[in-house]
Amino acid sequence: MNDDELIEQEISRLVDAGAIIIGGMNGEEPYYHMVPDILKVANPELYAAMMADIDETLIALFEDGLIDIQYDENLNVLVSLSEDGQRVAEEMMKDGHS
């Protein structure tokens, strides 16, 4: 079995387990959303890699001034688009990016 087949087999296993769900289609390719609590158990390595990527992306967006990060009284994180982030998002939508 080649690498692509192994990847497709693992994706199917994770979909069947409810660890990822198909979020829609990008042309002919599906895109997926993770279900963190299930993925953490079903494939801890993939969960850790995805969380690290999310953390890295959020830090970059914050450093670029595109998001604001605040904490509520229970120390839950609240992430929102900054004014610059809203402007960039609006420009992207005008240019046909989704």
PDB file of N, CA and C in Angstrom:
ATOM      1  N   MET A   1       0.852  -1.177   0.000  1.00  0.00           N
ATOM      2  CA  MET A   1       0.000   0.000   0.000  1.00  0.00           C
ATOM      3  C   MET A   1       0.899   1.242   0.000  1.00  0.00           C
ATOM      4  N   ASN A   2       0.612   2.210  -0.891  1.00  0.00           N
ATOM      5  CA  ASN A   2       1.446   3.419  -0.952  1.00  0.00           C
ATOM      6  C   ASN A   2       0.983   4.454   0.082  1.00  0.00           C
ATOM      7  N   ASP A   3       1.743   5.550   0.193  1.00  0.00           N
ATOM      8  CA  ASP A   3       1.457   6.580   1.199  1.00  0.00           C
ATOM      9  C   ASP A   3       0.068   7.190   1.026  1.00  0.00           C
ATOM     10  N   ASP A   4      -0.332   7.485  -0.221  1.00  0.00           N
ATOM     11  CA  ASP A   4      -1.656   8.079  -0.458  1.00  0.00           C
ATOM     12  C   ASP A   4      -2.768   7.147   0.006  1.00  0.00           C
ATOM     13  N   GLU A   5      -2.599   5.868  -0.242  1.00  0.00           N
ATOM     14  CA  GLU A   5      -3.611   4.896   0.190  1.00  0.00           C
ATOM     15  C   GLU A   5      -3.666   4.799   1.713  1.00  0.00           C
ATOM     16  N   LEU A   6      -2.502   4.857   2.350  1.00  0.00           N
ATOM     17  CA  LEU A   6      -2.470   4.832   3.813  1.00  0.00           C
ATOM     18  C   LEU A   6      -3.152   6.058   4.409  1.00  0.00           C
ATOM     19  N   ILE A   7      -2.915   7.203   3.790  1.00  0.00           N
ATOM     20  CA  ILE A   7      -3.543   8.443   4.263  1.00  0.00           C
ATOM     21  C   ILE A   7      -5.055   8.354   4.101  1.00  0.00           C
ATOM     22  N   GLU A   8      -5.519   7.913   2.947  1.00  0.00           N
ATOM     23  CA  GLU A   8      -6.965   7.781   2.719  1.00  0.00           C
ATOM     24  C   GLU A   8      -7.588   6.784   3.684  1.00  0.00           C
ATOM     25  N   GLN A   9      -6.882   5.696   3.976  1.00  0.00           N
ATOM     26  CA  GLN A   9      -7.376   4.705   4.920  1.00  0.00           C
ATOM     27  C   GLN A   9      -7.507   5.319   6.319  1.00  0.00           C
ATOM     28  N   GLU A  10      -6.507   6.113   6.732  1.00  0.00           N
ATOM     29  CA  GLU A  10      -6.564   6.751   8.049  1.00  0.00           C
ATOM     30  C   GLU A  10      -7.675   7.798   8.097  1.00  0.00           C
ATOM     31  N   ILE A  11      -7.847   8.557   7.036  1.00  0.00           N
ATOM     32  CA  ILE A  11      -8.945   9.534   6.996  1.00  0.00           C
ATOM     33  C   ILE A  11     -10.289   8.819   7.136  1.00  0.00           C
ATOM     34  N   SER A  12     -10.466   7.739   6.418  1.00  0.00           N
ATOM     35  CA  SER A  12     -11.719   6.968   6.516  1.00  0.00           C
ATOM     36  C   SER A  12     -11.928   6.466   7.942  1.00  0.00           C
ATOM     37  N   ARG A  13     -10.865   5.979   8.558  1.00  0.00           N
ATOM     38  CA  ARG A  13     -10.970   5.488   9.937  1.00  0.00           C
ATOM     39  C   ARG A  13     -11.376   6.617  10.887  1.00  0.00           C
ATOM     40  N   LEU A  14     -10.783   7.801  10.695  1.00  0.00           N
ATOM     41  CA  LEU A  14     -11.097   8.934  11.565  1.00  0.00           C
ATOM     42  C   LEU A  14     -12.507   9.460  11.331  1.00  0.00           C
ATOM     43  N   VAL A  15     -12.969   9.443  10.074  1.00  0.00           N
ATOM     44  CA  VAL A  15     -14.357   9.832   9.783  1.00  0.00           C
ATOM     45  C   VAL A  15     -15.309   8.846  10.453  1.00  0.00           C
ATOM     46  N   ASP A  16     -15.030   7.550  10.300  1.00  0.00           N
ATOM     47  CA  ASP A  16     -15.886   6.526  10.918  1.00  0.00           C
ATOM     48  C   ASP A  16     -15.923   6.660  12.436  1.00  0.00           C
ATOM     49  N   ALA A  17     -14.801   7.077  13.028  1.00  0.00           N
ATOM     50  CA  ALA A  17     -14.719   7.240  14.480  1.00  0.00           C
ATOM     51  C   ALA A  17     -15.360   8.541  14.950  1.00  0.00           C
ATOM     52  N   GLY A  18     -15.686   9.436  14.011  1.00  0.00           N
ATOM     53  CA  GLY A  18     -16.242  10.736  14.375  1.00  0.00           C
ATOM     54  C   GLY A  18     -15.191  11.746  14.791  1.00  0.00           C
ATOM     55  N   ALA A  19     -13.908  11.417  14.549  1.00  0.00           N
ATOM     56  CA  ALA A  19     -12.816  12.308  14.946  1.00  0.00           C
ATOM     57  C   ALA A  19     -12.637  13.464  13.983  1.00  0.00           C
ATOM     58  N   ILE A  20     -13.031  13.268  12.737  1.00  0.00           N
ATOM     59  CA  ILE A  20     -13.069  14.350  11.757  1.00  0.00           C
ATOM     60  C   ILE A  20     -14.376  14.230  10.987  1.00  0.00           C
ATOM     61  N   ILE A  21     -14.870  15.363  10.533  1.00  0.00           N
ATOM     62  CA  ILE A  21     -16.093  15.382   9.740  1.00  0.00           C
ATOM     63  C   ILE A  21     -15.814  16.135   8.440  1.00  0.00           C
ATOM     64  N   ILE A  22     -16.520  15.755   7.415  1.00  0.00           N
ATOM     65  CA  ILE A  22     -16.373  16.451   6.142  1.00  0.00           C
ATOM     66  C   ILE A  22     -17.119  17.771   6.251  1.00  0.00           C
ATOM     67  N   GLY A  23     -16.381  18.870   6.042  1.00  0.00           N
ATOM     68  CA  GLY A  23     -16.958  20.196   6.192  1.00  0.00           C
ATOM     69  C   GLY A  23     -17.532  20.753   4.910  1.00  0.00           C
ATOM     70  N   GLY A  24     -17.145  20.193   3.786  1.00  0.00           N
ATOM     71  CA  GLY A  24     -17.607  20.687   2.493  1.00  0.00           C
ATOM     72  C   GLY A  24     -16.649  20.236   1.416  1.00  0.00           C
ATOM     73  N   MET A  25     -16.775  20.870   0.277  1.00  0.00           N
ATOM     74  CA  MET A  25     -15.933  20.507  -0.861  1.00  0.00           C
ATOM     75  C   MET A  25     -15.199  21.740  -1.366  1.00  0.00           C
ATOM     76  N   ASN A  26     -13.968  21.537  -1.775  1.00  0.00           N
ATOM     77  CA  ASN A  26     -13.163  22.557  -2.416  1.00  0.00           C
ATOM     78  C   ASN A  26     -12.888  22.036  -3.821  1.00  0.00           C
ATOM     79  N   GLY A  27     -13.788  22.360  -4.732  1.00  0.00           N
ATOM     80  CA  GLY A  27     -13.714  21.744  -6.054  1.00  0.00           C
ATOM     81  C   GLY A  27     -14.152  20.306  -5.920  1.00  0.00           C
ATOM     82  N   GLU A  28     -13.265  19.390  -6.251  1.00  0.00           N
ATOM     83  CA  GLU A  28     -13.573  17.966  -6.121  1.00  0.00           C
ATOM     84  C   GLU A  28     -13.003  17.352  -4.851  1.00  0.00           C
ATOM     85  N   GLU A  29     -12.251  18.135  -4.076  1.00  0.00           N
ATOM     86  CA  GLU A  29     -11.605  17.639  -2.862  1.00  0.00           C
ATOM     87  C   GLU A  29     -12.411  18.031  -1.622  1.00  0.00           C
ATOM     88  N   PRO A  30     -12.664  17.070  -0.718  1.00  0.00           N
ATOM     89  CA  PRO A  30     -13.351  17.426   0.535  1.00  0.00           C
ATOM     90  C   PRO A  30     -12.388  18.147   1.475  1.00  0.00           C
ATOM     91  N   TYR A  31     -12.955  18.960   2.333  1.00  0.00           N
ATOM     92  CA  TYR A  31     -12.150  19.491   3.422  1.00  0.00           C
ATOM     93  C   TYR A  31     -12.788  19.049   4.724  1.00  0.00           C
ATOM     94  N   TYR A  32     -11.960  18.903   5.733  1.00  0.00           N
ATOM     95  CA  TYR A  32     -12.372  18.265   6.973  1.00  0.00           C
ATOM     96  C   TYR A  32     -12.261  19.217   8.155  1.00  0.00           C
ATOM     97  N   HIS A  33     -13.075  18.949   9.156  1.00  0.00           N
ATOM     98  CA  HIS A  33     -12.995  19.631  10.444  1.00  0.00           C
ATOM     99  C   HIS A  33     -12.719  18.565  11.492  1.00  0.00           C
ATOM    100  N   MET A  34     -11.850  18.900  12.440  1.00  0.00           N
ATOM    101  CA  MET A  34     -11.583  17.931  13.493  1.00  0.00           C
ATOM    102  C   MET A  34     -12.578  18.089  14.629  1.00  0.00           C
ATOM    103  N   VAL A  35     -12.827  16.995  15.316  1.00  0.00           N
ATOM    104  CA  VAL A  35     -13.609  16.972  16.550  1.00  0.00           C
ATOM    105  C   VAL A  35     -12.572  16.692  17.640  1.00  0.00           C
ATOM    106  N   PRO A  36     -12.071  17.763  18.267  1.00  0.00           N
ATOM    107  CA  PRO A  36     -10.880  17.639  19.117  1.00  0.00           C
ATOM    108  C   PRO A  36     -10.938  16.534  20.171  1.00  0.00           C
ATOM    109  N   ASP A  37     -12.032  16.439  20.926  1.00  0.00           N
ATOM    110  CA  ASP A  37     -12.084  15.446  22.006  1.00  0.00           C
ATOM    111  C   ASP A  37     -11.973  14.020  21.487  1.00  0.00           C
ATOM    112  N   ILE A  38     -12.538  13.758  20.312  1.00  0.00           N
ATOM    113  CA  ILE A  38     -12.475  12.410  19.740  1.00  0.00           C
ATOM    114  C   ILE A  38     -11.126  12.183  19.065  1.00  0.00           C
ATOM    115  N   LEU A  39     -10.640  13.182  18.325  1.00  0.00           N
ATOM    116  CA  LEU A  39      -9.359  13.041  17.639  1.00  0.00           C
ATOM    117  C   LEU A  39      -8.224  12.826  18.632  1.00  0.00           C
ATOM    118  N   LYS A  40      -8.301  13.485  19.777  1.00  0.00           N
ATOM    119  CA  LYS A  40      -7.263  13.363  20.808  1.00  0.00           C
ATOM    120  C   LYS A  40      -7.074  11.902  21.230  1.00  0.00           C
ATOM    121  N   VAL A  41      -8.163  11.132  21.230  1.00  0.00           N
ATOM    122  CA  VAL A  41      -8.111   9.724  21.606  1.00  0.00           C
ATOM    123  C   VAL A  41      -7.809   8.846  20.387  1.00  0.00           C
ATOM    124  N   ALA A  42      -8.447   9.162  19.256  1.00  0.00           N
ATOM    125  CA  ALA A  42      -8.325   8.322  18.058  1.00  0.00           C
ATOM    126  C   ALA A  42      -6.946   8.393  17.413  1.00  0.00           C
ATOM    127  N   ASN A  43      -6.306   9.576  17.457  1.00  0.00           N
ATOM    128  CA  ASN A  43      -4.987   9.731  16.855  1.00  0.00           C
ATOM    129  C   ASN A  43      -4.260  10.861  17.593  1.00  0.00           C
ATOM    130  N   PRO A  44      -3.680  10.555  18.750  1.00  0.00           N
ATOM    131  CA  PRO A  44      -3.041  11.596  19.570  1.00  0.00           C
ATOM    132  C   PRO A  44      -1.934  12.370  18.844  1.00  0.00           C
ATOM    133  N   GLU A  45      -1.193  11.687  17.976  1.00  0.00           N
ATOM    134  CA  GLU A  45      -0.104  12.364  17.263  1.00  0.00           C
ATOM    135  C   GLU A  45      -0.648  13.408  16.298  1.00  0.00           C
ATOM    136  N   LEU A  46      -1.698  13.058  15.556  1.00  0.00           N
ATOM    137  CA  LEU A  46      -2.315  14.006  14.625  1.00  0.00           C
ATOM    138  C   LEU A  46      -2.937  15.165  15.394  1.00  0.00           C
ATOM    139  N   TYR A  47      -3.597  14.868  16.506  1.00  0.00           N
ATOM    140  CA  TYR A  47      -4.185  15.908  17.345  1.00  0.00           C
ATOM    141  C   TYR A  47      -3.110  16.895  17.800  1.00  0.00           C
ATOM    142  N   ALA A  48      -1.991  16.377  18.294  1.00  0.00           N
ATOM    143  CA  ALA A  48      -0.907  17.246  18.780  1.00  0.00           C
ATOM    144  C   ALA A  48      -0.349  18.108  17.650  1.00  0.00           C
ATOM    145  N   ALA A  49      -0.175  17.510  16.474  1.00  0.00           N
ATOM    146  CA  ALA A  49       0.349  18.265  15.330  1.00  0.00           C
ATOM    147  C   ALA A  49      -0.630  19.355  14.904  1.00  0.00           C
ATOM    148  N   MET A  50      -1.918  19.037  14.889  1.00  0.00           N
ATOM    149  CA  MET A  50      -2.915  20.031  14.488  1.00  0.00           C
ATOM    150  C   MET A  50      -3.005  21.158  15.510  1.00  0.00           C
ATOM    151  N   MET A  51      -2.950  20.830  16.787  1.00  0.00           N
ATOM    152  CA  MET A  51      -3.011  21.865  17.818  1.00  0.00           C
ATOM    153  C   MET A  51      -1.781  22.764  17.761  1.00  0.00           C
ATOM    154  N   ALA A  52      -0.612  22.183  17.498  1.00  0.00           N
ATOM    155  CA  ALA A  52       0.607  22.989  17.367  1.00  0.00           C
ATOM    156  C   ALA A  52       0.496  23.926  16.175  1.00  0.00           C
ATOM    157  N   ASP A  53      -0.073  23.440  15.072  1.00  0.00           N
ATOM    158  CA  ASP A  53      -0.254  24.268  13.888  1.00  0.00           C
ATOM    159  C   ASP A  53      -1.251  25.400  14.156  1.00  0.00           C
ATOM    160  N   ILE A  54      -2.316  25.089  14.860  1.00  0.00           N
ATOM    161  CA  ILE A  54      -3.301  26.120  15.214  1.00  0.00           C
ATOM    162  C   ILE A  54      -2.647  27.180  16.105  1.00  0.00           C
ATOM    163  N   ASP A  55      -1.901  26.742  17.109  1.00  0.00           N
ATOM    164  CA  ASP A  55      -1.219  27.688  18.004  1.00  0.00           C
ATOM    165  C   ASP A  55      -0.272  28.597  17.222  1.00  0.00           C
ATOM    166  N   GLU A  56       0.516  28.001  16.330  1.00  0.00           N
ATOM    167  CA  GLU A  56       1.470  28.767  15.527  1.00  0.00           C
ATOM    168  C   GLU A  56       0.748  29.786  14.638  1.00  0.00           C
ATOM    169  N   THR A  57      -0.358  29.363  14.047  1.00  0.00           N
ATOM    170  CA  THR A  57      -1.131  30.254  13.183  1.00  0.00           C
ATOM    171  C   THR A  57      -1.730  31.409  13.984  1.00  0.00           C
ATOM    172  N   LEU A  58      -2.292  31.115  15.158  1.00  0.00           N
ATOM    173  CA  LEU A  58      -2.875  32.169  15.990  1.00  0.00           C
ATOM    174  C   LEU A  58      -1.815  33.169  16.435  1.00  0.00           C
ATOM    175  N   ILE A  59      -0.647  32.680  16.813  1.00  0.00           N
ATOM    176  CA  ILE A  59       0.433  33.586  17.217  1.00  0.00           C
ATOM    177  C   ILE A  59       0.833  34.492  16.056  1.00  0.00           C
ATOM    178  N   ALA A  60       0.957  33.924  14.861  1.00  0.00           N
ATOM    179  CA  ALA A  60       1.332  34.733  13.691  1.00  0.00           C
ATOM    180  C   ALA A  60       0.263  35.775  13.390  1.00  0.00           C
ATOM    181  N   LEU A  61      -1.011  35.391  13.460  1.00  0.00           N
ATOM    182  CA  LEU A  61      -2.095  36.350  13.212  1.00  0.00           C
ATOM    183  C   LEU A  61      -2.094  37.462  14.260  1.00  0.00           C
ATOM    184  N   PHE A  62      -1.826  37.106  15.515  1.00  0.00           N
ATOM    185  CA  PHE A  62      -1.755  38.097  16.586  1.00  0.00           C
ATOM    186  C   PHE A  62      -0.574  39.043  16.367  1.00  0.00           C
ATOM    187  N   GLU A  63       0.588  38.479  16.051  1.00  0.00           N
ATOM    188  CA  GLU A  63       1.775  39.303  15.809  1.00  0.00           C
ATOM    189  C   GLU A  63       1.594  40.232  14.617  1.00  0.00           C
ATOM    190  N   ASP A  64       0.801  39.805  13.626  1.00  0.00           N
ATOM    191  CA  ASP A  64       0.525  40.635  12.453  1.00  0.00           C
ATOM    192  C   ASP A  64      -0.600  41.639  12.708  1.00  0.00           C
ATOM    193  N   GLY A  65      -1.176  41.607  13.906  1.00  0.00           N
ATOM    194  CA  GLY A  65      -2.230  42.548  14.252  1.00  0.00           C
ATOM    195  C   GLY A  65      -3.574  42.231  13.627  1.00  0.00           C
ATOM    196  N   LEU A  66      -3.781  40.986  13.200  1.00  0.00           N
ATOM    197  CA  LEU A  66      -5.024  40.630  12.517  1.00  0.00           C
ATOM    198  C   LEU A  66      -6.082  40.060  13.453  1.00  0.00           C
ATOM    199  N   ILE A  67      -5.675  39.639  14.647  1.00  0.00           N
ATOM    200  CA  ILE A  67      -6.640  39.172  15.644  1.00  0.00           C
ATOM    201  C   ILE A  67      -6.322  39.803  16.989  1.00  0.00           C
ATOM    202  N   ASP A  68      -7.352  39.880  17.829  1.00  0.00           N
ATOM    203  CA  ASP A  68      -7.203  40.298  19.214  1.00  0.00           C
ATOM    204  C   ASP A  68      -7.444  39.071  20.084  1.00  0.00           C
ATOM    205  N   ILE A  69      -6.678  38.932  21.148  1.00  0.00           N
ATOM    206  CA  ILE A  69      -6.828  37.821  22.078  1.00  0.00           C
ATOM    207  C   ILE A  69      -7.065  38.402  23.458  1.00  0.00           C
ATOM    208  N   GLN A  70      -8.156  37.971  24.080  1.00  0.00           N
ATOM    209  CA  GLN A  70      -8.489  38.414  25.433  1.00  0.00           C
ATOM    210  C   GLN A  70      -8.894  37.184  26.239  1.00  0.00           C
ATOM    211  N   TYR A  71      -8.955  37.345  27.535  1.00  0.00           N
ATOM    212  CA  TYR A  71      -9.384  36.271  28.423  1.00  0.00           C
ATOM    213  C   TYR A  71     -10.551  36.760  29.259  1.00  0.00           C
ATOM    214  N   ASP A  72     -11.527  35.856  29.480  1.00  0.00           N
ATOM    215  CA  ASP A  72     -12.651  36.226  30.338  1.00  0.00           C
ATOM    216  C   ASP A  72     -12.282  35.952  31.796  1.00  0.00           C
ATOM    217  N   GLU A  73     -13.242  36.146  32.706  1.00  0.00           N
ATOM    218  CA  GLU A  73     -12.971  35.996  34.138  1.00  0.00           C
ATOM    219  C   GLU A  73     -12.602  34.561  34.529  1.00  0.00           C
ATOM    220  N   ASN A  74     -12.939  33.585  33.681  1.00  0.00           N
ATOM    221  CA  ASN A  74     -12.588  32.182  33.943  1.00  0.00           C
ATOM    222  C   ASN A  74     -11.328  31.758  33.183  1.00  0.00           C
ATOM    223  N   LEU A  75     -10.638  32.722  32.609  1.00  0.00           N
ATOM    224  CA  LEU A  75      -9.421  32.511  31.821  1.00  0.00           C
ATOM    225  C   LEU A  75      -9.665  31.695  30.549  1.00  0.00           C
ATOM    226  N   ASN A  76     -10.894  31.755  30.043  1.00  0.00           N
ATOM    227  CA  ASN A  76     -11.183  31.189  28.725  1.00  0.00           C
ATOM    228  C   ASN A  76     -10.741  32.211  27.685  1.00  0.00           C
ATOM    229  N   VAL A  77     -10.103  31.726  26.632  1.00  0.00           N
ATOM    230  CA  VAL A  77      -9.577  32.633  25.608  1.00  0.00           C
ATOM    231  C   VAL A  77     -10.709  33.087  24.682  1.00  0.00           C
ATOM    232  N   LEU A  78     -10.667  34.359  24.339  1.00  0.00           N
ATOM    233  CA  LEU A  78     -11.618  34.949  23.398  1.00  0.00           C
ATOM    234  C   LEU A  78     -10.813  35.532  22.248  1.00  0.00           C
ATOM    235  N   VAL A  79     -11.005  34.983  21.059  1.00  0.00           N
ATOM    236  CA  VAL A  79     -10.264  35.424  19.879  1.00  0.00           C
ATOM    237  C   VAL A  79     -11.238  36.122  18.942  1.00  0.00           C
ATOM    238  N   SER A  80     -10.866  37.300  18.463  1.00  0.00           N
ATOM    239  CA  SER A  80     -11.718  38.026  17.516  1.00  0.00           C
ATOM    240  C   SER A  80     -10.836  38.730  16.494  1.00  0.00           C
ATOM    241  N   LEU A  81     -11.432  39.061  15.360  1.00  0.00           N
ATOM    242  CA  LEU A  81     -10.700  39.820  14.349  1.00  0.00           C
ATOM    243  C   LEU A  81     -10.473  41.236  14.850  1.00  0.00           C
ATOM    244  N   SER A  82      -9.282  41.745  14.624  1.00  0.00           N
ATOM    245  CA  SER A  82      -8.999  43.149  14.914  1.00  0.00           C
ATOM    246  C   SER A  82      -9.589  43.984  13.775  1.00  0.00           C
ATOM    247  N   GLU A  83      -9.494  45.296  13.892  1.00  0.00           N
ATOM    248  CA  GLU A  83      -9.960  46.154  12.798  1.00  0.00           C
ATOM    249  C   GLU A  83      -9.186  45.852  11.516  1.00  0.00           C
ATOM    250  N   ASP A  84      -7.859  45.679  11.642  1.00  0.00           N
ATOM    251  CA  ASP A  84      -7.059  45.325  10.464  1.00  0.00           C
ATOM    252  C   ASP A  84      -7.470  43.958   9.918  1.00  0.00           C
ATOM    253  N   GLY A  85      -7.744  43.017  10.811  1.00  0.00           N
ATOM    254  CA  GLY A  85      -8.177  41.692  10.386  1.00  0.00           C
ATOM    255  C   GLY A  85      -9.504  41.735   9.639  1.00  0.00           C
ATOM    256  N   GLN A  86     -10.417  42.570  10.102  1.00  0.00           N
ATOM    257  CA  GLN A  86     -11.702  42.722   9.420  1.00  0.00           C
ATOM    258  C   GLN A  86     -11.511  43.315   8.030  1.00  0.00           C
ATOM    259  N   ARG A  87     -10.622  44.297   7.936  1.00  0.00           N
ATOM    260  CA  ARG A  87     -10.355  44.918   6.640  1.00  0.00           C
ATOM    261  C   ARG A  87      -9.761  43.898   5.667  1.00  0.00           C
ATOM    262  N   VAL A  88      -8.787  43.122   6.141  1.00  0.00           N
ATOM    263  CA  VAL A  88      -8.158  42.108   5.296  1.00  0.00           C
ATOM    264  C   VAL A  88      -9.180  41.062   4.876  1.00  0.00           C
ATOM    265  N   ALA A  89     -10.021  40.623   5.806  1.00  0.00           N
ATOM    266  CA  ALA A  89     -11.050  39.623   5.480  1.00  0.00           C
ATOM    267  C   ALA A  89     -12.020  40.163   4.431  1.00  0.00           C
ATOM    268  N   GLU A  90     -12.424  41.410   4.567  1.00  0.00           N
ATOM    269  CA  GLU A  90     -13.325  42.017   3.587  1.00  0.00           C
ATOM    270  C   GLU A  90     -12.670  42.096   2.218  1.00  0.00           C
ATOM    271  N   GLU A  91     -11.391  42.465   2.182  1.00  0.00           N
ATOM    272  CA  GLU A  91     -10.668  42.525   0.905  1.00  0.00           C
ATOM    273  C   GLU A  91     -10.570  41.144   0.270  1.00  0.00           C
ATOM    274  N   MET A  92     -10.314  40.129   1.082  1.00  0.00           N
ATOM    275  CA  MET A  92     -10.217  38.770   0.558  1.00  0.00           C
ATOM    276  C   MET A  92     -11.553  38.312  -0.013  1.00  0.00           C
ATOM    277  N   MET A  93     -12.635  38.657   0.659  1.00  0.00           N
ATOM    278  CA  MET A  93     -13.957  38.270   0.164  1.00  0.00           C
ATOM    279  C   MET A  93     -14.257  38.947  -1.169  1.00  0.00           C
ATOM    280  N   LYS A  94     -13.866  40.215  -1.295  1.00  0.00           N
ATOM    281  CA  LYS A  94     -14.057  40.932  -2.564  1.00  0.00           C
ATOM    282  C   LYS A  94     -13.272  40.281  -3.685  1.00  0.00           C
ATOM    283  N   ASP A  95     -12.077  39.751  -3.342  1.00  0.00           N
ATOM    284  CA  ASP A  95     -11.214  39.129  -4.345  1.00  0.00           C
ATOM    285  C   ASP A  95     -11.590  37.677  -4.632  1.00  0.00           C
ATOM    286  N   GLY A  96     -12.660  37.195  -4.007  1.00  0.00           N
ATOM    287  CA  GLY A  96     -13.130  35.843  -4.291  1.00  0.00           C
ATOM    288  C   GLY A  96     -12.526  34.755  -3.454  1.00  0.00           C
ATOM    289  N   HIS A  97     -11.802  35.089  -2.381  1.00  0.00           N
ATOM    290  CA  HIS A  97     -11.259  34.063  -1.486  1.00  0.00           C
ATOM    291  C   HIS A  97     -12.318  33.722  -0.464  1.00  0.00           C
ATOM    292  N   SER A  98     -12.356  32.457  -0.098  1.00  0.00           N
ATOM    293  CA  SER A  98     -13.319  32.086   0.942  1.00  0.00           C
ATOM    294  C   SER A  98     -12.627  31.513   2.138  1.00  0.00           C
TER     295      SER A  98
END
